[in-house]
N, C-alpha and C. Protein backbone atom coordinates (compact mmCIF):
# COMPACT_ATOMS: atom_id res chain seq x y z
N GLU A 1 0.86 -1.20 0.00
CA GLU A 1 0.00 0.00 0.00
C GLU A 1 0.88 1.24 0.00
N GLY A 2 0.71 2.08 -1.02
CA GLY A 2 1.50 3.30 -1.12
C GLY A 2 0.82 4.45 -0.42
N PRO A 3 1.42 5.63 -0.53
CA PRO A 3 0.85 6.82 0.12
C PRO A 3 -0.54 7.16 -0.43
N LYS A 4 -0.80 6.78 -1.68
CA LYS A 4 -2.10 7.07 -2.28
C LYS A 4 -3.20 6.27 -1.56
N GLY A 5 -2.92 5.00 -1.27
CA GLY A 5 -3.89 4.16 -0.57
C GLY A 5 -4.18 4.69 0.82
N LEU A 6 -3.15 5.18 1.48
CA LEU A 6 -3.31 5.74 2.82
C LEU A 6 -4.18 7.00 2.77
N ALA A 7 -3.94 7.83 1.76
CA ALA A 7 -4.71 9.06 1.60
C ALA A 7 -6.19 8.75 1.36
N VAL A 8 -6.43 7.73 0.53
CA VAL A 8 -7.81 7.33 0.23
C VAL A 8 -8.51 6.85 1.50
N ARG A 9 -7.78 6.07 2.31
CA ARG A 9 -8.36 5.54 3.54
C ARG A 9 -8.66 6.67 4.52
N GLN A 10 -7.75 7.64 4.61
CA GLN A 10 -7.97 8.79 5.50
C GLN A 10 -9.16 9.60 5.02
N LEU A 11 -9.30 9.74 3.70
CA LEU A 11 -10.40 10.50 3.13
C LEU A 11 -11.73 9.81 3.44
N LYS A 12 -11.77 8.48 3.29
CA LYS A 12 -12.99 7.73 3.60
C LYS A 12 -13.37 7.89 5.06
N TRP A 13 -12.35 7.83 5.95
CA TRP A 13 -12.60 7.97 7.39
C TRP A 13 -13.14 9.37 7.68
N TYR A 14 -12.56 10.37 7.03
CA TYR A 14 -12.98 11.76 7.23
C TYR A 14 -14.42 11.96 6.75
N VAL A 15 -14.74 11.41 5.59
CA VAL A 15 -16.09 11.56 5.03
C VAL A 15 -17.12 10.91 5.94
N SER A 16 -16.82 9.71 6.46
CA SER A 16 -17.77 9.04 7.34
C SER A 16 -17.95 9.81 8.64
N TRP A 17 -16.87 10.42 9.13
CA TRP A 17 -16.94 11.22 10.36
C TRP A 17 -17.81 12.46 10.13
N VAL A 18 -17.61 13.11 8.98
CA VAL A 18 -18.40 14.30 8.66
C VAL A 18 -19.88 13.94 8.55
N GLN A 19 -20.18 12.81 7.90
CA GLN A 19 -21.57 12.38 7.76
C GLN A 19 -22.21 12.15 9.12
N THR A 20 -21.44 11.56 10.05
CA THR A 20 -21.96 11.30 11.39
C THR A 20 -22.26 12.61 12.11
N VAL A 21 -21.34 13.56 12.03
CA VAL A 21 -21.53 14.86 12.69
C VAL A 21 -22.72 15.59 12.09
N VAL A 22 -22.81 15.60 10.77
CA VAL A 22 -23.92 16.28 10.09
C VAL A 22 -25.25 15.67 10.52
N ARG A 23 -25.28 14.32 10.63
CA ARG A 23 -26.51 13.65 11.04
C ARG A 23 -26.89 14.04 12.45
N GLN A 24 -25.91 14.06 13.36
CA GLN A 24 -26.18 14.42 14.76
C GLN A 24 -26.69 15.85 14.86
N VAL A 25 -26.01 16.77 14.20
CA VAL A 25 -26.40 18.18 14.24
C VAL A 25 -27.76 18.37 13.58
N GLY A 26 -27.98 17.68 12.47
CA GLY A 26 -29.25 17.77 11.76
C GLY A 26 -30.41 17.30 12.62
N LEU A 27 -30.22 16.18 13.31
CA LEU A 27 -31.27 15.67 14.20
C LEU A 27 -31.53 16.64 15.33
N TYR A 28 -30.47 17.22 15.87
CA TYR A 28 -30.60 18.17 16.97
C TYR A 28 -31.38 19.41 16.52
N LEU A 29 -31.00 19.96 15.37
CA LEU A 29 -31.68 21.15 14.85
C LEU A 29 -33.13 20.84 14.51
N LEU A 30 -33.37 19.66 13.94
CA LEU A 30 -34.73 19.28 13.56
C LEU A 30 -35.61 19.14 14.79
N SER A 31 -35.10 18.47 15.82
CA SER A 31 -35.90 18.29 17.04
C SER A 31 -36.14 19.62 17.74
N ALA A 32 -35.14 20.50 17.75
CA ALA A 32 -35.31 21.82 18.36
C ALA A 32 -36.35 22.63 17.60
N TRP A 33 -36.31 22.55 16.27
CA TRP A 33 -37.25 23.28 15.42
C TRP A 33 -38.67 22.76 15.62
N ILE A 34 -38.81 21.42 15.73
CA ILE A 34 -40.13 20.82 15.95
C ILE A 34 -40.67 21.23 17.32
N LEU A 35 -39.82 21.20 18.34
CA LEU A 35 -40.25 21.58 19.68
C LEU A 35 -40.67 23.05 19.72
N GLU A 36 -39.92 23.90 19.05
CA GLU A 36 -40.27 25.33 19.00
C GLU A 36 -41.60 25.52 18.29
N GLY A 37 -41.79 24.81 17.19
CA GLY A 37 -43.00 24.96 16.40
C GLY A 37 -44.24 24.37 17.05
N SER A 38 -44.06 23.41 17.96
CA SER A 38 -45.22 22.75 18.57
C SER A 38 -45.75 23.52 19.78
N ARG A 39 -45.03 24.56 20.20
CA ARG A 39 -45.51 25.35 21.33
C ARG A 39 -46.71 26.21 20.93
N PRO A 40 -47.66 26.40 21.83
CA PRO A 40 -48.84 27.22 21.53
C PRO A 40 -48.48 28.70 21.37
């Protein structure tokens, strides 16, 4: 495995990490927005 393979693996790890963070933040914002909107 050369440096290119290592870079690809790091990129995949980074992308999966970003997706996880985006999902967490998205769920948080969505739930906060729903709670705000459901108040009388």
